[in-house]
């Protein structure tokens, strides 16, 4: 594993921990009595082409979503 791969893994884990800590410290209520809410997260990133033929990474964009399974 290259150093940059290790850095990506550490950075991703750090972002996960920061988001988790924030959500746990400020809980949000989803749904309500008798409702089941499915939550998910996804990360999107792709490499952008450069003039020298190499691809450069772009910043990751995290997306969080949820749906009430009772009313969808």
PDB file of N, CA and C in Angstrom:
ATOM      1  N   UNK A   1       0.846  -1.175   0.000  1.00  0.00           N
ATOM      2  CA  UNK A   1       0.000   0.000   0.000  1.00  0.00           C
ATOM      3  C   UNK A   1       0.891   1.239   0.000  1.00  0.00           C
ATOM      4  N   UNK A   2       0.598   2.173  -0.888  1.00  0.00           N
ATOM      5  CA  UNK A   2       1.358   3.411  -0.971  1.00  0.00           C
ATOM      6  C   UNK A   2       0.974   4.342   0.169  1.00  0.00           C
ATOM      7  N   UNK A   3       1.864   5.292   0.458  1.00  0.00           N
ATOM      8  CA  UNK A   3       1.591   6.270   1.522  1.00  0.00           C
ATOM      9  C   UNK A   3       0.331   7.069   1.230  1.00  0.00           C
ATOM     10  N   UNK A   4       0.093   7.429  -0.040  1.00  0.00           N
ATOM     11  CA  UNK A   4      -1.102   8.222  -0.358  1.00  0.00           C
ATOM     12  C   UNK A   4      -2.383   7.406  -0.141  1.00  0.00           C
ATOM     13  N   UNK A   5      -2.317   6.076  -0.353  1.00  0.00           N
ATOM     14  CA  UNK A   5      -3.470   5.222  -0.085  1.00  0.00           C
ATOM     15  C   UNK A   5      -3.749   5.167   1.413  1.00  0.00           C
ATOM     16  N   UNK A   6      -2.696   5.099   2.211  1.00  0.00           N
ATOM     17  CA  UNK A   6      -2.855   5.110   3.664  1.00  0.00           C
ATOM     18  C   UNK A   6      -3.470   6.432   4.111  1.00  0.00           C
ATOM     19  N   UNK A   7      -3.008   7.529   3.494  1.00  0.00           N
ATOM     20  CA  UNK A   7      -3.533   8.847   3.841  1.00  0.00           C
ATOM     21  C   UNK A   7      -5.014   8.941   3.510  1.00  0.00           C
ATOM     22  N   UNK A   8      -5.413   8.403   2.347  1.00  0.00           N
ATOM     23  CA  UNK A   8      -6.832   8.415   1.970  1.00  0.00           C
ATOM     24  C   UNK A   8      -7.657   7.623   2.971  1.00  0.00           C
ATOM     25  N   UNK A   9      -7.162   6.461   3.377  1.00  0.00           N
ATOM     26  CA  UNK A   9      -7.887   5.639   4.338  1.00  0.00           C
ATOM     27  C   UNK A   9      -8.024   6.352   5.683  1.00  0.00           C
ATOM     28  N   UNK A  10      -6.934   6.964   6.131  1.00  0.00           N
ATOM     29  CA  UNK A  10      -6.960   7.686   7.410  1.00  0.00           C
ATOM     30  C   UNK A  10      -7.898   8.884   7.317  1.00  0.00           C
ATOM     31  N   UNK A  11      -7.845   9.614   6.204  1.00  0.00           N
ATOM     32  CA  UNK A  11      -8.711  10.779   6.021  1.00  0.00           C
ATOM     33  C   UNK A  11     -10.179  10.365   5.983  1.00  0.00           C
ATOM     34  N   UNK A  12     -10.490   9.300   5.266  1.00  0.00           N
ATOM     35  CA  UNK A  12     -11.866   8.815   5.206  1.00  0.00           C
ATOM     36  C   UNK A  12     -12.378   8.394   6.568  1.00  0.00           C
ATOM     37  N   UNK A  13     -11.533   7.709   7.323  1.00  0.00           N
ATOM     38  CA  UNK A  13     -11.922   7.267   8.658  1.00  0.00           C
ATOM     39  C   UNK A  13     -12.117   8.477   9.575  1.00  0.00           C
ATOM     40  N   UNK A  14     -11.245   9.471   9.462  1.00  0.00           N
ATOM     41  CA  UNK A  14     -11.368  10.681  10.264  1.00  0.00           C
ATOM     42  C   UNK A  14     -12.689  11.389   9.967  1.00  0.00           C
ATOM     43  N   UNK A  15     -13.035  11.530   8.678  1.00  0.00           N
ATOM     44  CA  UNK A  15     -14.303  12.178   8.309  1.00  0.00           C
ATOM     45  C   UNK A  15     -15.491  11.395   8.860  1.00  0.00           C
ATOM     46  N   UNK A  16     -15.420  10.086   8.790  1.00  0.00           N
ATOM     47  CA  UNK A  16     -16.477   9.229   9.336  1.00  0.00           C
ATOM     48  C   UNK A  16     -16.641   9.477  10.834  1.00  0.00           C
ATOM     49  N   UNK A  17     -15.509   9.525  11.561  1.00  0.00           N
ATOM     50  CA  UNK A  17     -15.561   9.728  13.007  1.00  0.00           C
ATOM     51  C   UNK A  17     -16.121  11.110  13.358  1.00  0.00           C
ATOM     52  N   UNK A  18     -15.733  12.134  12.602  1.00  0.00           N
ATOM     53  CA  UNK A  18     -16.218  13.492  12.864  1.00  0.00           C
ATOM     54  C   UNK A  18     -17.726  13.564  12.632  1.00  0.00           C
ATOM     55  N   UNK A  19     -18.194  13.006  11.521  1.00  0.00           N
ATOM     56  CA  UNK A  19     -19.635  13.011  11.230  1.00  0.00           C
ATOM     57  C   UNK A  19     -20.398  12.220  12.281  1.00  0.00           C
ATOM     58  N   UNK A  20     -19.881  11.066  12.660  1.00  0.00           N
ATOM     59  CA  UNK A  20     -20.540  10.233  13.670  1.00  0.00           C
ATOM     60  C   UNK A  20     -20.635  10.966  14.997  1.00  0.00           C
ATOM     61  N   UNK A  21     -19.549  11.592  15.411  1.00  0.00           N
ATOM     62  CA  UNK A  21     -19.532  12.309  16.687  1.00  0.00           C
ATOM     63  C   UNK A  21     -20.538  13.451  16.669  1.00  0.00           C
ATOM     64  N   UNK A  22     -20.614  14.163  15.557  1.00  0.00           N
ATOM     65  CA  UNK A  22     -21.551  15.279  15.450  1.00  0.00           C
ATOM     66  C   UNK A  22     -22.999  14.791  15.515  1.00  0.00           C
ATOM     67  N   UNK A  23     -23.302  13.736  14.790  1.00  0.00           N
ATOM     68  CA  UNK A  23     -24.671  13.210  14.801  1.00  0.00           C
ATOM     69  C   UNK A  23     -25.046  12.647  16.161  1.00  0.00           C
ATOM     70  N   UNK A  24     -24.107  12.019  16.847  1.00  0.00           N
ATOM     71  CA  UNK A  24     -24.397  11.467  18.169  1.00  0.00           C
ATOM     72  C   UNK A  24     -24.553  12.559  19.223  1.00  0.00           C
ATOM     73  N   UNK A  25     -23.830  13.678  19.072  1.00  0.00           N
ATOM     74  CA  UNK A  25     -23.921  14.755  20.060  1.00  0.00           C
ATOM     75  C   UNK A  25     -25.165  15.616  19.852  1.00  0.00           C
ATOM     76  N   UNK A  26     -25.713  15.607  18.649  1.00  0.00           N
ATOM     77  CA  UNK A  26     -26.905  16.390  18.334  1.00  0.00           C
ATOM     78  C   UNK A  26     -27.921  15.477  17.649  1.00  0.00           C
ATOM     79  N   UNK A  27     -28.528  14.571  18.409  1.00  0.00           N
ATOM     80  CA  UNK A  27     -29.415  13.597  17.780  1.00  0.00           C
ATOM     81  C   UNK A  27     -30.620  14.240  17.096  1.00  0.00           C
ATOM     82  N   UNK A  28     -30.976  13.683  15.982  1.00  0.00           N
ATOM     83  CA  UNK A  28     -32.152  14.119  15.232  1.00  0.00           C
ATOM     84  C   UNK A  28     -33.202  13.030  15.317  1.00  0.00           C
ATOM     85  N   UNK A  29     -34.461  13.422  15.328  1.00  0.00           N
ATOM     86  CA  UNK A  29     -35.522  12.434  15.362  1.00  0.00           C
ATOM     87  C   UNK A  29     -36.077  12.266  13.949  1.00  0.00           C
ATOM     88  N   UNK A  30     -36.068  11.053  13.487  1.00  0.00           N
ATOM     89  CA  UNK A  30     -36.620  10.722  12.174  1.00  0.00           C
ATOM     90  C   UNK A  30     -37.854   9.871  12.374  1.00  0.00           C
ATOM     91  N   UNK A  31     -38.853  10.053  11.533  1.00  0.00           N
ATOM     92  CA  UNK A  31     -40.048   9.223  11.629  1.00  0.00           C
ATOM     93  C   UNK A  31     -40.870   9.596  12.835  1.00  0.00           C
ATOM     94  N   UNK A  32     -41.311   8.607  13.574  1.00  0.00           N
ATOM     95  CA  UNK A  32     -42.135   8.812  14.753  1.00  0.00           C
ATOM     96  C   UNK A  32     -42.660   7.468  15.200  1.00  0.00           C
ATOM     97  N   UNK A  33     -43.641   7.487  16.072  1.00  0.00           N
ATOM     98  CA  UNK A  33     -44.208   6.241  16.582  1.00  0.00           C
ATOM     99  C   UNK A  33     -44.770   5.406  15.431  1.00  0.00           C
ATOM    100  N   UNK A  34     -44.330   4.166  15.351  1.00  0.00           N
ATOM    101  CA  UNK A  34     -44.821   3.258  14.312  1.00  0.00           C
ATOM    102  C   UNK A  34     -44.193   3.435  12.946  1.00  0.00           C
ATOM    103  N   UNK A  35     -43.198   4.297  12.823  1.00  0.00           N
ATOM    104  CA  UNK A  35     -42.544   4.534  11.530  1.00  0.00           C
ATOM    105  C   UNK A  35     -41.126   3.985  11.565  1.00  0.00           C
ATOM    106  N   UNK A  36     -40.741   3.379  10.471  1.00  0.00           N
ATOM    107  CA  UNK A  36     -39.378   2.880  10.303  1.00  0.00           C
ATOM    108  C   UNK A  36     -38.729   3.731   9.225  1.00  0.00           C
ATOM    109  N   UNK A  37     -37.564   4.286   9.545  1.00  0.00           N
ATOM    110  CA  UNK A  37     -36.851   5.149   8.608  1.00  0.00           C
ATOM    111  C   UNK A  37     -35.531   4.471   8.246  1.00  0.00           C
ATOM    112  N   UNK A  38     -35.285   4.331   6.959  1.00  0.00           N
ATOM    113  CA  UNK A  38     -34.027   3.769   6.467  1.00  0.00           C
ATOM    114  C   UNK A  38     -33.094   4.927   6.124  1.00  0.00           C
ATOM    115  N   UNK A  39     -31.888   4.900   6.679  1.00  0.00           N
ATOM    116  CA  UNK A  39     -30.883   5.933   6.425  1.00  0.00           C
ATOM    117  C   UNK A  39     -29.705   5.312   5.690  1.00  0.00           C
ATOM    118  N   UNK A  40     -29.062   6.105   4.847  1.00  0.00           N
ATOM    119  CA  UNK A  40     -27.905   5.609   4.107  1.00  0.00           C
ATOM    120  C   UNK A  40     -26.977   6.773   3.805  1.00  0.00           C
ATOM    121  N   UNK A  41     -25.742   6.444   3.498  1.00  0.00           N
ATOM    122  CA  UNK A  41     -24.775   7.459   3.108  1.00  0.00           C
ATOM    123  C   UNK A  41     -24.013   6.948   1.901  1.00  0.00           C
ATOM    124  N   UNK A  42     -23.499   7.891   1.130  1.00  0.00           N
ATOM    125  CA  UNK A  42     -22.738   7.536  -0.046  1.00  0.00           C
ATOM    126  C   UNK A  42     -21.697   8.627  -0.277  1.00  0.00           C
ATOM    127  N   UNK A  43     -20.602   8.260  -0.903  1.00  0.00           N
ATOM    128  CA  UNK A  43     -19.573   9.228  -1.244  1.00  0.00           C
ATOM    129  C   UNK A  43     -19.363   9.189  -2.755  1.00  0.00           C
ATOM    130  N   UNK A  44     -19.256  10.373  -3.341  1.00  0.00           N
ATOM    131  CA  UNK A  44     -19.045  10.472  -4.783  1.00  0.00           C
ATOM    132  C   UNK A  44     -17.748  11.222  -5.043  1.00  0.00           C
ATOM    133  N   UNK A  45     -16.948  10.677  -5.907  1.00  0.00           N
ATOM    134  CA  UNK A  45     -15.709  11.337  -6.317  1.00  0.00           C
ATOM    135  C   UNK A  45     -15.248  10.683  -7.612  1.00  0.00           C
ATOM    136  N   UNK A  46     -14.691  11.466  -8.472  1.00  0.00           N
ATOM    137  CA  UNK A  46     -14.102  10.888  -9.678  1.00  0.00           C
ATOM    138  C   UNK A  46     -12.878  11.701 -10.043  1.00  0.00           C
ATOM    139  N   UNK A  47     -12.063  11.122 -10.829  1.00  0.00           N
ATOM    140  CA  UNK A  47     -10.841  11.814 -11.225  1.00  0.00           C
ATOM    141  C   UNK A  47     -11.135  12.688 -12.443  1.00  0.00           C
ATOM    142  N   UNK A  48     -10.513  13.850 -12.451  1.00  0.00           N
ATOM    143  CA  UNK A  48     -10.690  14.795 -13.540  1.00  0.00           C
ATOM    144  C   UNK A  48      -9.480  14.742 -14.459  1.00  0.00           C
ATOM    145  N   UNK A  49      -9.716  14.737 -15.740  1.00  0.00           N
ATOM    146  CA  UNK A  49      -8.616  14.677 -16.702  1.00  0.00           C
ATOM    147  C   UNK A  49      -7.825  15.985 -16.701  1.00  0.00           C
ATOM    148  N   UNK A  50      -6.524  15.858 -16.848  1.00  0.00           N
ATOM    149  CA  UNK A  50      -5.637  17.023 -16.922  1.00  0.00           C
ATOM    150  C   UNK A  50      -5.011  17.084 -18.311  1.00  0.00           C
ATOM    151  N   UNK A  51      -4.405  18.203 -18.627  1.00  0.00           N
ATOM    152  CA  UNK A  51      -3.808  18.381 -19.955  1.00  0.00           C
ATOM    153  C   UNK A  51      -2.624  17.455 -20.206  1.00  0.00           C
ATOM    154  N   UNK A  52      -1.978  16.960 -19.145  1.00  0.00           N
ATOM    155  CA  UNK A  52      -0.819  16.087 -19.337  1.00  0.00           C
ATOM    156  C   UNK A  52      -1.215  14.606 -19.454  1.00  0.00           C
ATOM    157  N   UNK A  53      -2.485  14.322 -19.549  1.00  0.00           N
ATOM    158  CA  UNK A  53      -2.944  12.938 -19.704  1.00  0.00           C
ATOM    159  C   UNK A  53      -3.155  12.201 -18.395  1.00  0.00           C
ATOM    160  N   UNK A  54      -2.702  12.778 -17.310  1.00  0.00           N
ATOM    161  CA  UNK A  54      -2.897  12.174 -15.996  1.00  0.00           C
ATOM    162  C   UNK A  54      -4.248  12.630 -15.440  1.00  0.00           C
ATOM    163  N   UNK A  55      -4.769  11.858 -14.530  1.00  0.00           N
ATOM    164  CA  UNK A  55      -6.020  12.237 -13.883  1.00  0.00           C
ATOM    165  C   UNK A  55      -5.711  12.735 -12.481  1.00  0.00           C
ATOM    166  N   UNK A  56      -6.373  13.799 -12.080  1.00  0.00           N
ATOM    167  CA  UNK A  56      -6.179  14.313 -10.727  1.00  0.00           C
ATOM    168  C   UNK A  56      -7.457  14.076  -9.924  1.00  0.00           C
ATOM    169  N   UNK A  57      -7.302  13.726  -8.667  1.00  0.00           N
ATOM    170  CA  UNK A  57      -8.490  13.492  -7.847  1.00  0.00           C
ATOM    171  C   UNK A  57      -9.206  14.807  -7.532  1.00  0.00           C
ATOM    172  N   UNK A  58     -10.504  14.726  -7.353  1.00  0.00           N
ATOM    173  CA  UNK A  58     -11.299  15.877  -6.928  1.00  0.00           C
ATOM    174  C   UNK A  58     -11.822  15.580  -5.526  1.00  0.00           C
ATOM    175  N   UNK A  59     -12.211  16.606  -4.772  1.00  0.00           N
ATOM    176  CA  UNK A  59     -12.691  16.363  -3.410  1.00  0.00           C
ATOM    177  C   UNK A  59     -13.909  15.441  -3.383  1.00  0.00           C
ATOM    178  N   UNK A  60     -13.973  14.645  -2.334  1.00  0.00           N
ATOM    179  CA  UNK A  60     -15.114  13.753  -2.159  1.00  0.00           C
ATOM    180  C   UNK A  60     -16.329  14.553  -1.707  1.00  0.00           C
ATOM    181  N   UNK A  61     -17.516  14.120  -2.139  1.00  0.00           N
ATOM    182  CA  UNK A  61     -18.765  14.746  -1.715  1.00  0.00           C
ATOM    183  C   UNK A  61     -19.614  13.686  -1.038  1.00  0.00           C
ATOM    184  N   UNK A  62     -19.871  13.856   0.253  1.00  0.00           N
ATOM    185  CA  UNK A  62     -20.699  12.914   0.998  1.00  0.00           C
ATOM    186  C   UNK A  62     -22.159  13.315   0.893  1.00  0.00           C
ATOM    187  N   UNK A  63     -23.019  12.328   0.727  1.00  0.00           N
ATOM    188  CA  UNK A  63     -24.466  12.549   0.646  1.00  0.00           C
ATOM    189  C   UNK A  63     -25.136  11.617   1.639  1.00  0.00           C
ATOM    190  N   UNK A  64     -26.033  12.159   2.444  1.00  0.00           N
ATOM    191  CA  UNK A  64     -26.791  11.379   3.410  1.00  0.00           C
ATOM    192  C   UNK A  64     -28.262  11.471   3.036  1.00  0.00           C
ATOM    193  N   UNK A  65     -28.973  10.378   3.183  1.00  0.00           N
ATOM    194  CA  UNK A  65     -30.389  10.395   2.851  1.00  0.00           C
ATOM    195  C   UNK A  65     -31.176   9.450   3.719  1.00  0.00           C
ATOM    196  N   UNK A  66     -32.482   9.643   3.697  1.00  0.00           N
ATOM    197  CA  UNK A  66     -33.363   8.764   4.467  1.00  0.00           C
ATOM    198  C   UNK A  66     -34.745   8.737   3.852  1.00  0.00           C
ATOM    199  N   UNK A  67     -35.443   7.645   4.111  1.00  0.00           N
ATOM    200  CA  UNK A  67     -36.812   7.525   3.606  1.00  0.00           C
ATOM    201  C   UNK A  67     -37.653   6.817   4.674  1.00  0.00           C
ATOM    202  N   UNK A  68     -38.859   7.320   4.862  1.00  0.00           N
ATOM    203  CA  UNK A  68     -39.808   6.710   5.790  1.00  0.00           C
ATOM    204  C   UNK A  68     -40.425   5.523   5.071  1.00  0.00           C
ATOM    205  N   UNK A  69     -40.164   4.319   5.531  1.00  0.00           N
ATOM    206  CA  UNK A  69     -40.625   3.113   4.856  1.00  0.00           C
ATOM    207  C   UNK A  69     -42.141   2.943   4.945  1.00  0.00           C
ATOM    208  N   UNK A  70     -42.790   3.647   5.860  1.00  0.00           N
ATOM    209  CA  UNK A  70     -44.241   3.538   6.008  1.00  0.00           C
ATOM    210  C   UNK A  70     -44.997   4.417   5.018  1.00  0.00           C
ATOM    211  N   UNK A  71     -44.402   5.525   4.583  1.00  0.00           N
ATOM    212  CA  UNK A  71     -45.132   6.483   3.745  1.00  0.00           C
ATOM    213  C   UNK A  71     -44.522   6.685   2.367  1.00  0.00           C
ATOM    214  N   UNK A  72     -43.482   5.995   2.028  1.00  0.00           N
ATOM    215  CA  UNK A  72     -42.822   6.239   0.734  1.00  0.00           C
ATOM    216  C   UNK A  72     -43.749   5.886  -0.351  1.00  0.00           C
TER     217      UNK A  72
END
